PDB file of N, CA and C in Angstrom:
ATOM      1  N   MET A   1     -16.210 -12.990   6.897  1.00  0.00           N
ATOM      2  CA  MET A   1     -16.486 -13.590   8.187  1.00  0.00           C
ATOM      3  C   MET A   1     -16.411 -15.100   8.030  1.00  0.00           C
ATOM      4  N   VAL A   2     -15.794 -15.735   8.997  1.00  0.00           N
ATOM      5  CA  VAL A   2     -15.678 -17.192   9.011  1.00  0.00           C
ATOM      6  C   VAL A   2     -16.277 -17.694  10.318  1.00  0.00           C
ATOM      7  N   LEU A   3     -17.127 -18.680  10.225  1.00  0.00           N
ATOM      8  CA  LEU A   3     -17.718 -19.297  11.403  1.00  0.00           C
ATOM      9  C   LEU A   3     -17.226 -20.732  11.488  1.00  0.00           C
ATOM     10  N   VAL A   4     -16.616 -21.079  12.617  1.00  0.00           N
ATOM     11  CA  VAL A   4     -16.148 -22.441  12.850  1.00  0.00           C
ATOM     12  C   VAL A   4     -17.108 -23.054  13.866  1.00  0.00           C
ATOM     13  N   GLU A   5     -17.847 -24.077  13.436  1.00  0.00           N
ATOM     14  CA  GLU A   5     -18.778 -24.697  14.369  1.00  0.00           C
ATOM     15  C   GLU A   5     -18.666 -26.209  14.324  1.00  0.00           C
ATOM     16  N   GLY A   6     -19.097 -26.841  15.400  1.00  0.00           N
ATOM     17  CA  GLY A   6     -19.060 -28.286  15.499  1.00  0.00           C
ATOM     18  C   GLY A   6     -19.306 -28.706  16.928  1.00  0.00           C
ATOM     19  N   PRO A   7     -19.387 -29.998  17.162  1.00  0.00           N
ATOM     20  CA  PRO A   7     -19.633 -30.498  18.517  1.00  0.00           C
ATOM     21  C   PRO A   7     -18.503 -30.126  19.479  1.00  0.00           C
ATOM     22  N   VAL A   8     -18.837 -30.125  20.752  1.00  0.00           N
ATOM     23  CA  VAL A   8     -17.858 -29.853  21.811  1.00  0.00           C
ATOM     24  C   VAL A   8     -16.696 -30.834  21.699  1.00  0.00           C
ATOM     25  N   GLY A   9     -15.471 -30.305  21.852  1.00  0.00           N
ATOM     26  CA  GLY A   9     -14.292 -31.167  21.889  1.00  0.00           C
ATOM     27  C   GLY A   9     -13.744 -31.589  20.539  1.00  0.00           C
ATOM     28  N   THR A  10     -14.187 -30.926  19.460  1.00  0.00           N
ATOM     29  CA  THR A  10     -13.714 -31.323  18.129  1.00  0.00           C
ATOM     30  C   THR A  10     -12.555 -30.473  17.620  1.00  0.00           C
ATOM     31  N   GLY A  11     -12.073 -29.528  18.424  1.00  0.00           N
ATOM     32  CA  GLY A  11     -10.900 -28.757  18.034  1.00  0.00           C
ATOM     33  C   GLY A  11     -11.186 -27.403  17.405  1.00  0.00           C
ATOM     34  N   LYS A  12     -12.377 -26.880  17.596  1.00  0.00           N
ATOM     35  CA  LYS A  12     -12.711 -25.572  17.022  1.00  0.00           C
ATOM     36  C   LYS A  12     -11.787 -24.477  17.546  1.00  0.00           C
ATOM     37  N   SER A  13     -11.550 -24.473  18.851  1.00  0.00           N
ATOM     38  CA  SER A  13     -10.676 -23.451  19.439  1.00  0.00           C
ATOM     39  C   SER A  13      -9.249 -23.580  18.917  1.00  0.00           C
ATOM     40  N   ALA A  14      -8.792 -24.801  18.719  1.00  0.00           N
ATOM     41  CA  ALA A  14      -7.442 -25.012  18.179  1.00  0.00           C
ATOM     42  C   ALA A  14      -7.343 -24.470  16.755  1.00  0.00           C
ATOM     43  N   VAL A  15      -8.375 -24.682  15.963  1.00  0.00           N
ATOM     44  CA  VAL A  15      -8.396 -24.146  14.588  1.00  0.00           C
ATOM     45  C   VAL A  15      -8.358 -22.622  14.625  1.00  0.00           C
ATOM     46  N   LEU A  16      -9.172 -22.032  15.496  1.00  0.00           N
ATOM     47  CA  LEU A  16      -9.201 -20.574  15.615  1.00  0.00           C
ATOM     48  C   LEU A  16      -7.852 -20.036  16.087  1.00  0.00           C
ATOM     49  N   ASN A  17      -7.262 -20.676  17.084  1.00  0.00           N
ATOM     50  CA  ASN A  17      -5.947 -20.235  17.587  1.00  0.00           C
ATOM     51  C   ASN A  17      -4.872 -20.322  16.509  1.00  0.00           C
ATOM     52  N   HIS A  18      -4.923 -21.367  15.698  1.00  0.00           N
ATOM     53  CA  HIS A  18      -3.963 -21.503  14.608  1.00  0.00           C
ATOM     54  C   HIS A  18      -4.166 -20.386  13.575  1.00  0.00           C
ATOM     55  N   ALA A  19      -5.399 -20.101  13.246  1.00  0.00           N
ATOM     56  CA  ALA A  19      -5.690 -19.029  12.285  1.00  0.00           C
ATOM     57  C   ALA A  19      -5.196 -17.682  12.805  1.00  0.00           C
ATOM     58  N   VAL A  20      -5.375 -17.432  14.085  1.00  0.00           N
ATOM     59  CA  VAL A  20      -4.903 -16.185  14.696  1.00  0.00           C
ATOM     60  C   VAL A  20      -3.379 -16.112  14.633  1.00  0.00           C
ATOM     61  N   ALA A  21      -2.704 -17.218  14.927  1.00  0.00           N
ATOM     62  CA  ALA A  21      -1.236 -17.249  14.877  1.00  0.00           C
ATOM     63  C   ALA A  21      -0.735 -16.980  13.460  1.00  0.00           C
ATOM     64  N   VAL A  22      -1.377 -17.574  12.475  1.00  0.00           N
ATOM     65  CA  VAL A  22      -0.984 -17.355  11.074  1.00  0.00           C
ATOM     66  C   VAL A  22      -1.221 -15.896  10.685  1.00  0.00           C
ATOM     67  N   ALA A  23      -2.351 -15.332  11.126  1.00  0.00           N
ATOM     68  CA  ALA A  23      -2.637 -13.921  10.824  1.00  0.00           C
ATOM     69  C   ALA A  23      -1.561 -13.016  11.415  1.00  0.00           C
ATOM     70  N   HIS A  24      -1.147 -13.294  12.645  1.00  0.00           N
ATOM     71  CA  HIS A  24      -0.044 -12.526  13.263  1.00  0.00           C
ATOM     72  C   HIS A  24       1.223 -12.646  12.419  1.00  0.00           C
ATOM     73  N   GLU A  25       1.563 -13.866  12.021  1.00  0.00           N
ATOM     74  CA  GLU A  25       2.775 -14.099  11.222  1.00  0.00           C
ATOM     75  C   GLU A  25       2.730 -13.348   9.899  1.00  0.00           C
ATOM     76  N   LEU A  26       1.551 -13.213   9.322  1.00  0.00           N
ATOM     77  CA  LEU A  26       1.399 -12.525   8.041  1.00  0.00           C
ATOM     78  C   LEU A  26       1.310 -11.007   8.190  1.00  0.00           C
ATOM     79  N   GLY A  27       1.378 -10.520   9.422  1.00  0.00           N
ATOM     80  CA  GLY A  27       1.369  -9.079   9.650  1.00  0.00           C
ATOM     81  C   GLY A  27      -0.010  -8.454   9.748  1.00  0.00           C
ATOM     82  N   PHE A  28      -1.048  -9.258   9.912  1.00  0.00           N
ATOM     83  CA  PHE A  28      -2.390  -8.721  10.067  1.00  0.00           C
ATOM     84  C   PHE A  28      -2.513  -8.030  11.428  1.00  0.00           C
ATOM     85  N   THR A  29      -3.392  -7.069  11.528  1.00  0.00           N
ATOM     86  CA  THR A  29      -3.803  -6.543  12.818  1.00  0.00           C
ATOM     87  C   THR A  29      -4.776  -7.553  13.393  1.00  0.00           C
ATOM     88  N   VAL A  30      -4.550  -7.977  14.633  1.00  0.00           N
ATOM     89  CA  VAL A  30      -5.367  -9.039  15.224  1.00  0.00           C
ATOM     90  C   VAL A  30      -5.911  -8.613  16.578  1.00  0.00           C
ATOM     91  N   ALA A  31      -7.207  -8.793  16.745  1.00  0.00           N
ATOM     92  CA  ALA A  31      -7.869  -8.651  18.043  1.00  0.00           C
ATOM     93  C   ALA A  31      -8.531  -9.992  18.306  1.00  0.00           C
ATOM     94  N   SER A  32      -8.166 -10.644  19.389  1.00  0.00           N
ATOM     95  CA  SER A  32      -8.727 -11.973  19.621  1.00  0.00           C
ATOM     96  C   SER A  32      -8.970 -12.225  21.097  1.00  0.00           C
ATOM     97  N   GLY A  33      -9.904 -13.109  21.348  1.00  0.00           N
ATOM     98  CA  GLY A  33     -10.240 -13.487  22.709  1.00  0.00           C
ATOM     99  C   GLY A  33     -11.457 -14.383  22.694  1.00  0.00           C
ATOM    100  N   GLY A  34     -11.974 -14.646  23.860  1.00  0.00           N
ATOM    101  CA  GLY A  34     -13.117 -15.540  23.957  1.00  0.00           C
ATOM    102  C   GLY A  34     -14.235 -14.945  24.780  1.00  0.00           C
ATOM    103  N   ALA A  35     -15.432 -15.419  24.519  1.00  0.00           N
ATOM    104  CA  ALA A  35     -16.605 -15.009  25.287  1.00  0.00           C
ATOM    105  C   ALA A  35     -16.857 -16.027  26.382  1.00  0.00           C
ATOM    106  N   ASN A  36     -17.533 -15.579  27.417  1.00  0.00           N
ATOM    107  CA  ASN A  36     -17.973 -16.514  28.455  1.00  0.00           C
ATOM    108  C   ASN A  36     -19.359 -16.096  28.937  1.00  0.00           C
ATOM    109  N   ARG A  37     -19.984 -16.963  29.690  1.00  0.00           N
ATOM    110  CA  ARG A  37     -21.384 -16.732  30.094  1.00  0.00           C
ATOM    111  C   ARG A  37     -21.601 -15.413  30.832  1.00  0.00           C
ATOM    112  N   THR A  38     -20.628 -14.957  31.594  1.00  0.00           N
ATOM    113  CA  THR A  38     -20.815 -13.704  32.334  1.00  0.00           C
ATOM    114  C   THR A  38     -20.844 -12.492  31.412  1.00  0.00           C
ATOM    115  N   ASP A  39     -20.345 -12.629  30.190  1.00  0.00           N
ATOM    116  CA  ASP A  39     -20.410 -11.529  29.229  1.00  0.00           C
ATOM    117  C   ASP A  39     -21.856 -11.125  28.942  1.00  0.00           C
ATOM    118  N   GLN A  40     -22.766 -12.051  29.072  1.00  0.00           N
ATOM    119  CA  GLN A  40     -24.166 -11.792  28.762  1.00  0.00           C
ATOM    120  C   GLN A  40     -24.831 -10.853  29.760  1.00  0.00           C
ATOM    121  N   LEU A  41     -24.162 -10.569  30.865  1.00  0.00           N
ATOM    122  CA  LEU A  41     -24.728  -9.706  31.897  1.00  0.00           C
ATOM    123  C   LEU A  41     -24.616  -8.220  31.564  1.00  0.00           C
ATOM    124  N   ARG A  42     -23.681  -7.860  30.691  1.00  0.00           N
ATOM    125  CA  ARG A  42     -23.457  -6.442  30.374  1.00  0.00           C
ATOM    126  C   ARG A  42     -23.252  -6.268  28.876  1.00  0.00           C
ATOM    127  N   PRO A  43     -23.994  -5.364  28.254  1.00  0.00           N
ATOM    128  CA  PRO A  43     -23.862  -5.153  26.807  1.00  0.00           C
ATOM    129  C   PRO A  43     -22.451  -4.741  26.401  1.00  0.00           C
ATOM    130  N   PHE A  44     -22.002  -5.244  25.261  1.00  0.00           N
ATOM    131  CA  PHE A  44     -20.743  -4.873  24.621  1.00  0.00           C
ATOM    132  C   PHE A  44     -19.514  -5.448  25.313  1.00  0.00           C
ATOM    133  N   THR A  45     -19.690  -6.261  26.349  1.00  0.00           N
ATOM    134  CA  THR A  45     -18.562  -6.793  27.105  1.00  0.00           C
ATOM    135  C   THR A  45     -17.626  -7.626  26.241  1.00  0.00           C
ATOM    136  N   THR A  46     -18.173  -8.563  25.490  1.00  0.00           N
ATOM    137  CA  THR A  46     -17.332  -9.474  24.711  1.00  0.00           C
ATOM    138  C   THR A  46     -16.466  -8.708  23.721  1.00  0.00           C
ATOM    139  N   LEU A  47     -17.093  -7.899  22.890  1.00  0.00           N
ATOM    140  CA  LEU A  47     -16.350  -7.201  21.845  1.00  0.00           C
ATOM    141  C   LEU A  47     -15.378  -6.183  22.429  1.00  0.00           C
ATOM    142  N   ALA A  48     -15.782  -5.455  23.446  1.00  0.00           N
ATOM    143  CA  ALA A  48     -14.885  -4.472  24.060  1.00  0.00           C
ATOM    144  C   ALA A  48     -13.645  -5.150  24.636  1.00  0.00           C
ATOM    145  N   THR A  49     -13.836  -6.269  25.302  1.00  0.00           N
ATOM    146  CA  THR A  49     -12.709  -6.998  25.891  1.00  0.00           C
ATOM    147  C   THR A  49     -11.745  -7.463  24.804  1.00  0.00           C
ATOM    148  N   ILE A  50     -12.287  -7.976  23.721  1.00  0.00           N
ATOM    149  CA  ILE A  50     -11.449  -8.481  22.632  1.00  0.00           C
ATOM    150  C   ILE A  50     -10.725  -7.336  21.914  1.00  0.00           C
ATOM    151  N   LEU A  51     -11.413  -6.237  21.679  1.00  0.00           N
ATOM    152  CA  LEU A  51     -10.777  -5.109  20.997  1.00  0.00           C
ATOM    153  C   LEU A  51      -9.663  -4.498  21.839  1.00  0.00           C
ATOM    154  N   LYS A  52      -9.772  -4.592  23.158  1.00  0.00           N
ATOM    155  CA  LYS A  52      -8.712  -4.077  24.035  1.00  0.00           C
ATOM    156  C   LYS A  52      -7.403  -4.839  23.870  1.00  0.00           C
ATOM    157  N   SER A  53      -7.471  -6.042  23.286  1.00  0.00           N
ATOM    158  CA  SER A  53      -6.247  -6.813  23.045  1.00  0.00           C
ATOM    159  C   SER A  53      -5.447  -6.267  21.867  1.00  0.00           C
ATOM    160  N   CYS A  54      -5.997  -5.291  21.173  1.00  0.00           N
ATOM    161  CA  CYS A  54      -5.377  -4.739  19.962  1.00  0.00           C
ATOM    162  C   CYS A  54      -5.089  -3.250  20.152  1.00  0.00           C
ATOM    163  N   ASP A  55      -3.826  -2.871  20.065  1.00  0.00           N
ATOM    164  CA  ASP A  55      -3.425  -1.472  20.260  1.00  0.00           C
ATOM    165  C   ASP A  55      -4.188  -0.507  19.361  1.00  0.00           C
ATOM    166  N   ASP A  56      -4.518  -0.930  18.144  1.00  0.00           N
ATOM    167  CA  ASP A  56      -5.179  -0.035  17.188  1.00  0.00           C
ATOM    168  C   ASP A  56      -6.573   0.397  17.629  1.00  0.00           C
ATOM    169  N   PHE A  57      -7.215  -0.381  18.484  1.00  0.00           N
ATOM    170  CA  PHE A  57      -8.563  -0.044  18.930  1.00  0.00           C
ATOM    171  C   PHE A  57      -8.589   0.682  20.270  1.00  0.00           C
ATOM    172  N   ARG A  58      -7.518   0.668  21.015  1.00  0.00           N
ATOM    173  CA  ARG A  58      -7.528   1.252  22.363  1.00  0.00           C
ATOM    174  C   ARG A  58      -7.930   2.730  22.391  1.00  0.00           C
ATOM    175  N   PRO A  59      -7.437   3.577  21.488  1.00  0.00           N
ATOM    176  CA  PRO A  59      -7.845   4.987  21.538  1.00  0.00           C
ATOM    177  C   PRO A  59      -9.354   5.183  21.357  1.00  0.00           C
ATOM    178  N   VAL A  60      -9.989   4.309  20.623  1.00  0.00           N
ATOM    179  CA  VAL A  60     -11.419   4.437  20.339  1.00  0.00           C
ATOM    180  C   VAL A  60     -12.263   3.905  21.496  1.00  0.00           C
ATOM    181  N   LEU A  61     -11.750   2.935  22.232  1.00  0.00           N
ATOM    182  CA  LEU A  61     -12.552   2.238  23.238  1.00  0.00           C
ATOM    183  C   LEU A  61     -13.028   3.123  24.377  1.00  0.00           C
ATOM    184  N   THR A  62     -12.264   4.120  24.752  1.00  0.00           N
ATOM    185  CA  THR A  62     -12.678   4.991  25.842  1.00  0.00           C
ATOM    186  C   THR A  62     -14.008   5.641  25.520  1.00  0.00           C
ATOM    187  N   SER A  63     -14.135   6.165  24.329  1.00  0.00           N
ATOM    188  CA  SER A  63     -15.394   6.807  23.952  1.00  0.00           C
ATOM    189  C   SER A  63     -16.488   5.779  23.656  1.00  0.00           C
ATOM    190  N   LEU A  64     -16.115   4.574  23.242  1.00  0.00           N
ATOM    191  CA  LEU A  64     -17.123   3.558  22.923  1.00  0.00           C
ATOM    192  C   LEU A  64     -17.885   3.105  24.162  1.00  0.00           C
ATOM    193  N   ASP A  65     -17.218   2.988  25.289  1.00  0.00           N
ATOM    194  CA  ASP A  65     -17.891   2.568  26.518  1.00  0.00           C
ATOM    195  C   ASP A  65     -19.035   3.504  26.884  1.00  0.00           C
ATOM    196  N   GLU A  66     -18.893   4.759  26.518  1.00  0.00           N
ATOM    197  CA  GLU A  66     -19.933   5.744  26.819  1.00  0.00           C
ATOM    198  C   GLU A  66     -21.120   5.632  25.861  1.00  0.00           C
ATOM    199  N   MET A  67     -20.968   4.895  24.770  1.00  0.00           N
ATOM    200  CA  MET A  67     -22.003   4.813  23.740  1.00  0.00           C
ATOM    201  C   MET A  67     -22.803   3.518  23.759  1.00  0.00           C
ATOM    202  N   VAL A  68     -22.694   2.752  24.803  1.00  0.00           N
ATOM    203  CA  VAL A  68     -23.372   1.455  24.844  1.00  0.00           C
ATOM    204  C   VAL A  68     -24.874   1.613  24.620  1.00  0.00           C
ATOM    205  N   ASP A  69     -25.454   2.708  25.059  1.00  0.00           N
ATOM    206  CA  ASP A  69     -26.892   2.917  24.886  1.00  0.00           C
ATOM    207  C   ASP A  69     -27.251   3.463  23.506  1.00  0.00           C
ATOM    208  N   ASP A  70     -26.276   3.955  22.767  1.00  0.00           N
ATOM    209  CA  ASP A  70     -26.518   4.479  21.419  1.00  0.00           C
ATOM    210  C   ASP A  70     -25.867   3.531  20.415  1.00  0.00           C
ATOM    211  N   HIS A  71     -26.587   2.476  20.056  1.00  0.00           N
ATOM    212  CA  HIS A  71     -26.033   1.402  19.231  1.00  0.00           C
ATOM    213  C   HIS A  71     -25.559   1.878  17.863  1.00  0.00           C
ATOM    214  N   LEU A  72     -26.292   2.803  17.244  1.00  0.00           N
ATOM    215  CA  LEU A  72     -25.887   3.269  15.913  1.00  0.00           C
ATOM    216  C   LEU A  72     -24.598   4.091  15.975  1.00  0.00           C
ATOM    217  N   LYS A  73     -24.460   4.909  16.990  1.00  0.00           N
ATOM    218  CA  LYS A  73     -23.231   5.693  17.146  1.00  0.00           C
ATOM    219  C   LYS A  73     -22.048   4.768  17.437  1.00  0.00           C
ATOM    220  N   LEU A  74     -22.282   3.769  18.285  1.00  0.00           N
ATOM    221  CA  LEU A  74     -21.257   2.779  18.605  1.00  0.00           C
ATOM    222  C   LEU A  74     -20.813   2.045  17.351  1.00  0.00           C
ATOM    223  N   LEU A  75     -21.768   1.589  16.570  1.00  0.00           N
ATOM    224  CA  LEU A  75     -21.464   0.891  15.323  1.00  0.00           C
ATOM    225  C   LEU A  75     -20.689   1.792  14.361  1.00  0.00           C
ATOM    226  N   ASP A  76     -21.097   3.037  14.251  1.00  0.00           N
ATOM    227  CA  ASP A  76     -20.432   3.963  13.346  1.00  0.00           C
ATOM    228  C   ASP A  76     -18.976   4.202  13.765  1.00  0.00           C
ATOM    229  N   ARG A  77     -18.717   4.382  15.055  1.00  0.00           N
ATOM    230  CA  ARG A  77     -17.350   4.590  15.530  1.00  0.00           C
ATOM    231  C   ARG A  77     -16.478   3.364  15.272  1.00  0.00           C
ATOM    232  N   LEU A  78     -17.045   2.183  15.497  1.00  0.00           N
ATOM    233  CA  LEU A  78     -16.289   0.954  15.217  1.00  0.00           C
ATOM    234  C   LEU A  78     -15.989   0.823  13.734  1.00  0.00           C
ATOM    235  N   ARG A  79     -16.971   1.125  12.904  1.00  0.00           N
ATOM    236  CA  ARG A  79     -16.776   1.041  11.457  1.00  0.00           C
ATOM    237  C   ARG A  79     -15.685   2.005  11.001  1.00  0.00           C
ATOM    238  N   ILE A  80     -15.669   3.205  11.543  1.00  0.00           N
ATOM    239  CA  ILE A  80     -14.634   4.190  11.191  1.00  0.00           C
ATOM    240  C   ILE A  80     -13.260   3.686  11.618  1.00  0.00           C
ATOM    241  N   ALA A  81     -13.159   3.158  12.839  1.00  0.00           N
ATOM    242  CA  ALA A  81     -11.877   2.630  13.324  1.00  0.00           C
ATOM    243  C   ALA A  81     -11.398   1.479  12.447  1.00  0.00           C
ATOM    244  N   MET A  82     -12.308   0.615  12.071  1.00  0.00           N
ATOM    245  CA  MET A  82     -11.932  -0.524  11.228  1.00  0.00           C
ATOM    246  C   MET A  82     -11.502  -0.064   9.838  1.00  0.00           C
ATOM    247  N   LYS A  83     -12.179   0.925   9.284  1.00  0.00           N
ATOM    248  CA  LYS A  83     -11.791   1.441   7.965  1.00  0.00           C
ATOM    249  C   LYS A  83     -10.387   2.029   7.998  1.00  0.00           C
ATOM    250  N   ARG A  84     -10.045   2.706   9.095  1.00  0.00           N
ATOM    251  CA  ARG A  84      -8.687   3.266   9.236  1.00  0.00           C
ATOM    252  C   ARG A  84      -7.644   2.155   9.218  1.00  0.00           C
ATOM    253  N   ILE A  85      -7.911   1.099   9.943  1.00  0.00           N
ATOM    254  CA  ILE A  85      -6.977  -0.032   9.971  1.00  0.00           C
ATOM    255  C   ILE A  85      -6.896  -0.673   8.598  1.00  0.00           C
ATOM    256  N   LEU A  86      -8.058  -0.918   7.989  1.00  0.00           N
ATOM    257  CA  LEU A  86      -8.100  -1.617   6.708  1.00  0.00           C
ATOM    258  C   LEU A  86      -7.517  -0.803   5.550  1.00  0.00           C
ATOM    259  N   ALA A  87      -7.342   0.491   5.750  1.00  0.00           N
ATOM    260  CA  ALA A  87      -6.739   1.322   4.702  1.00  0.00           C
ATOM    261  C   ALA A  87      -5.276   0.958   4.488  1.00  0.00           C
ATOM    262  N   THR A  88      -4.626   0.390   5.518  1.00  0.00           N
ATOM    263  CA  THR A  88      -3.197   0.101   5.392  1.00  0.00           C
ATOM    264  C   THR A  88      -2.833  -1.365   5.611  1.00  0.00           C
ATOM    265  N   ARG A  89      -3.730  -2.138   6.195  1.00  0.00           N
ATOM    266  CA  ARG A  89      -3.405  -3.548   6.462  1.00  0.00           C
ATOM    267  C   ARG A  89      -4.672  -4.369   6.659  1.00  0.00           C
ATOM    268  N   ARG A  90      -4.492  -5.666   6.738  1.00  0.00           N
ATOM    269  CA  ARG A  90      -5.600  -6.597   6.946  1.00  0.00           C
ATOM    270  C   ARG A  90      -5.948  -6.677   8.431  1.00  0.00           C
ATOM    271  N   LEU A  91      -7.181  -7.067   8.715  1.00  0.00           N
ATOM    272  CA  LEU A  91      -7.665  -7.114  10.087  1.00  0.00           C
ATOM    273  C   LEU A  91      -8.367  -8.441  10.354  1.00  0.00           C
ATOM    274  N   VAL A  92      -8.067  -9.034  11.506  1.00  0.00           N
ATOM    275  CA  VAL A  92      -8.754 -10.238  11.971  1.00  0.00           C
ATOM    276  C   VAL A  92      -9.293  -9.955  13.367  1.00  0.00           C
ATOM    277  N   ILE A  93     -10.589 -10.176  13.552  1.00  0.00           N
ATOM    278  CA  ILE A  93     -11.201 -10.139  14.874  1.00  0.00           C
ATOM    279  C   ILE A  93     -11.704 -11.548  15.133  1.00  0.00           C
ATOM    280  N   ALA A  94     -11.103 -12.222  16.092  1.00  0.00           N
ATOM    281  CA  ALA A  94     -11.434 -13.622  16.377  1.00  0.00           C
ATOM    282  C   ALA A  94     -12.119 -13.723  17.738  1.00  0.00           C
ATOM    283  N   ILE A  95     -13.298 -14.331  17.749  1.00  0.00           N
ATOM    284  CA  ILE A  95     -14.067 -14.485  18.985  1.00  0.00           C
ATOM    285  C   ILE A  95     -14.338 -15.967  19.205  1.00  0.00           C
ATOM    286  N   ASP A  96     -13.664 -16.534  20.187  1.00  0.00           N
ATOM    287  CA  ASP A  96     -13.890 -17.937  20.534  1.00  0.00           C
ATOM    288  C   ASP A  96     -15.142 -18.023  21.419  1.00  0.00           C
ATOM    289  N   ASP A  97     -15.881 -19.100  21.282  1.00  0.00           N
ATOM    290  CA  ASP A  97     -17.125 -19.316  22.042  1.00  0.00           C
ATOM    291  C   ASP A  97     -18.109 -18.168  21.854  1.00  0.00           C
ATOM    292  N   PHE A  98     -18.252 -17.747  20.603  1.00  0.00           N
ATOM    293  CA  PHE A  98     -19.116 -16.620  20.253  1.00  0.00           C
ATOM    294  C   PHE A  98     -20.545 -16.800  20.765  1.00  0.00           C
ATOM    295  N   GLN A  99     -21.016 -18.024  20.853  1.00  0.00           N
ATOM    296  CA  GLN A  99     -22.388 -18.282  21.300  1.00  0.00           C
ATOM    297  C   GLN A  99     -22.628 -17.771  22.722  1.00  0.00           C
ATOM    298  N   MET A 100     -21.576 -17.514  23.475  1.00  0.00           N
ATOM    299  CA  MET A 100     -21.723 -17.008  24.840  1.00  0.00           C
ATOM    300  C   MET A 100     -21.578 -15.488  24.923  1.00  0.00           C
ATOM    301  N   SER A 101     -21.376 -14.828  23.799  1.00  0.00           N
ATOM    302  CA  SER A 101     -21.198 -13.380  23.839  1.00  0.00           C
ATOM    303  C   SER A 101     -22.520 -12.677  24.157  1.00  0.00           C
ATOM    304  N   ASP A 102     -22.410 -11.432  24.562  1.00  0.00           N
ATOM    305  CA  ASP A 102     -23.598 -10.634  24.870  1.00  0.00           C
ATOM    306  C   ASP A 102     -24.341 -10.266  23.584  1.00  0.00           C
ATOM    307  N   GLU A 103     -25.608  -9.912  23.727  1.00  0.00           N
ATOM    308  CA  GLU A 103     -26.462  -9.632  22.562  1.00  0.00           C
ATOM    309  C   GLU A 103     -25.972  -8.441  21.739  1.00  0.00           C
ATOM    310  N   LEU A 104     -25.473  -7.401  22.397  1.00  0.00           N
ATOM    311  CA  LEU A 104     -25.002  -6.231  21.654  1.00  0.00           C
ATOM    312  C   LEU A 104     -23.774  -6.580  20.818  1.00  0.00           C
ATOM    313  N   THR A 105     -22.875  -7.380  21.359  1.00  0.00           N
ATOM    314  CA  THR A 105     -21.727  -7.833  20.576  1.00  0.00           C
ATOM    315  C   THR A 105     -22.200  -8.607  19.357  1.00  0.00           C
ATOM    316  N   ALA A 106     -23.139  -9.521  19.541  1.00  0.00           N
ATOM    317  CA  ALA A 106     -23.651 -10.315  18.418  1.00  0.00           C
ATOM    318  C   ALA A 106     -24.274  -9.417  17.359  1.00  0.00           C
ATOM    319  N   LEU A 107     -25.047  -8.435  17.775  1.00  0.00           N
ATOM    320  CA  LEU A 107     -25.676  -7.506  16.834  1.00  0.00           C
ATOM    321  C   LEU A 107     -24.621  -6.697  16.076  1.00  0.00           C
ATOM    322  N   ILE A 108     -23.638  -6.168  16.784  1.00  0.00           N
ATOM    323  CA  ILE A 108     -22.600  -5.352  16.151  1.00  0.00           C
ATOM    324  C   ILE A 108     -21.764  -6.187  15.179  1.00  0.00           C
ATOM    325  N   VAL A 109     -21.390  -7.386  15.571  1.00  0.00           N
ATOM    326  CA  VAL A 109     -20.616  -8.249  14.673  1.00  0.00           C
ATOM    327  C   VAL A 109     -21.417  -8.527  13.404  1.00  0.00           C
ATOM    328  N   HIS A 110     -22.688  -8.806  13.561  1.00  0.00           N
ATOM    329  CA  HIS A 110     -23.536  -9.048  12.379  1.00  0.00           C
ATOM    330  C   HIS A 110     -23.593  -7.790  11.492  1.00  0.00           C
ATOM    331  N   MET A 111     -23.839  -6.656  12.084  1.00  0.00           N
ATOM    332  CA  MET A 111     -23.957  -5.424  11.294  1.00  0.00           C
ATOM    333  C   MET A 111     -22.644  -5.046  10.631  1.00  0.00           C
ATOM    334  N   LEU A 112     -21.523  -5.249  11.322  1.00  0.00           N
ATOM    335  CA  LEU A 112     -20.223  -4.956  10.714  1.00  0.00           C
ATOM    336  C   LEU A 112     -19.934  -5.913   9.561  1.00  0.00           C
ATOM    337  N   SER A 113     -20.285  -7.171   9.733  1.00  0.00           N
ATOM    338  CA  SER A 113     -20.024  -8.140   8.656  1.00  0.00           C
ATOM    339  C   SER A 113     -20.832  -7.782   7.413  1.00  0.00           C
ATOM    340  N   VAL A 114     -22.041  -7.288   7.616  1.00  0.00           N
ATOM    341  CA  VAL A 114     -22.866  -6.871   6.470  1.00  0.00           C
ATOM    342  C   VAL A 114     -22.287  -5.626   5.823  1.00  0.00           C
ATOM    343  N   SER A 115     -21.835  -4.666   6.632  1.00  0.00           N
ATOM    344  CA  SER A 115     -21.338  -3.408   6.065  1.00  0.00           C
ATOM    345  C   SER A 115     -19.995  -3.554   5.353  1.00  0.00           C
ATOM    346  N   PHE A 116     -19.197  -4.582   5.700  1.00  0.00           N
ATOM    347  CA  PHE A 116     -17.904  -4.790   5.047  1.00  0.00           C
ATOM    348  C   PHE A 116     -17.941  -5.891   3.994  1.00  0.00           C
ATOM    349  N   ARG A 117     -19.098  -6.440   3.729  1.00  0.00           N
ATOM    350  CA  ARG A 117     -19.234  -7.501   2.738  1.00  0.00           C
ATOM    351  C   ARG A 117     -18.926  -6.975   1.345  1.00  0.00           C
ATOM    352  N   GLY A 118     -18.320  -7.812   0.545  1.00  0.00           N
ATOM    353  CA  GLY A 118     -18.149  -7.486  -0.855  1.00  0.00           C
ATOM    354  C   GLY A 118     -16.841  -6.903  -1.161  1.00  0.00           C
TER     355      GLY A 118
END
């Protein structure tokens, strides 16, 4: 996991966009997008929206929307989907303006980063 932080207007989004472009060029599977304040109104909005940008996650997302209330099941399904992708290629999930994401997205990103560490 990489966190890019700094004051407003210092080019964080440009750095993230460049990293995403390089990941695409290198053949990584990429899911990317940004959070906004309205994401905080509904659990899982930020991550679901970003994962929809990636064909590899679309088959899983239909069932994930039904699991918003079962956080452990949701996390387990995401972990399984990510393991399938990682078995054959590298994966980048890029979230711009992460500080505006919903709480469930923040929790899931944290738990996934811990489970894939090492």
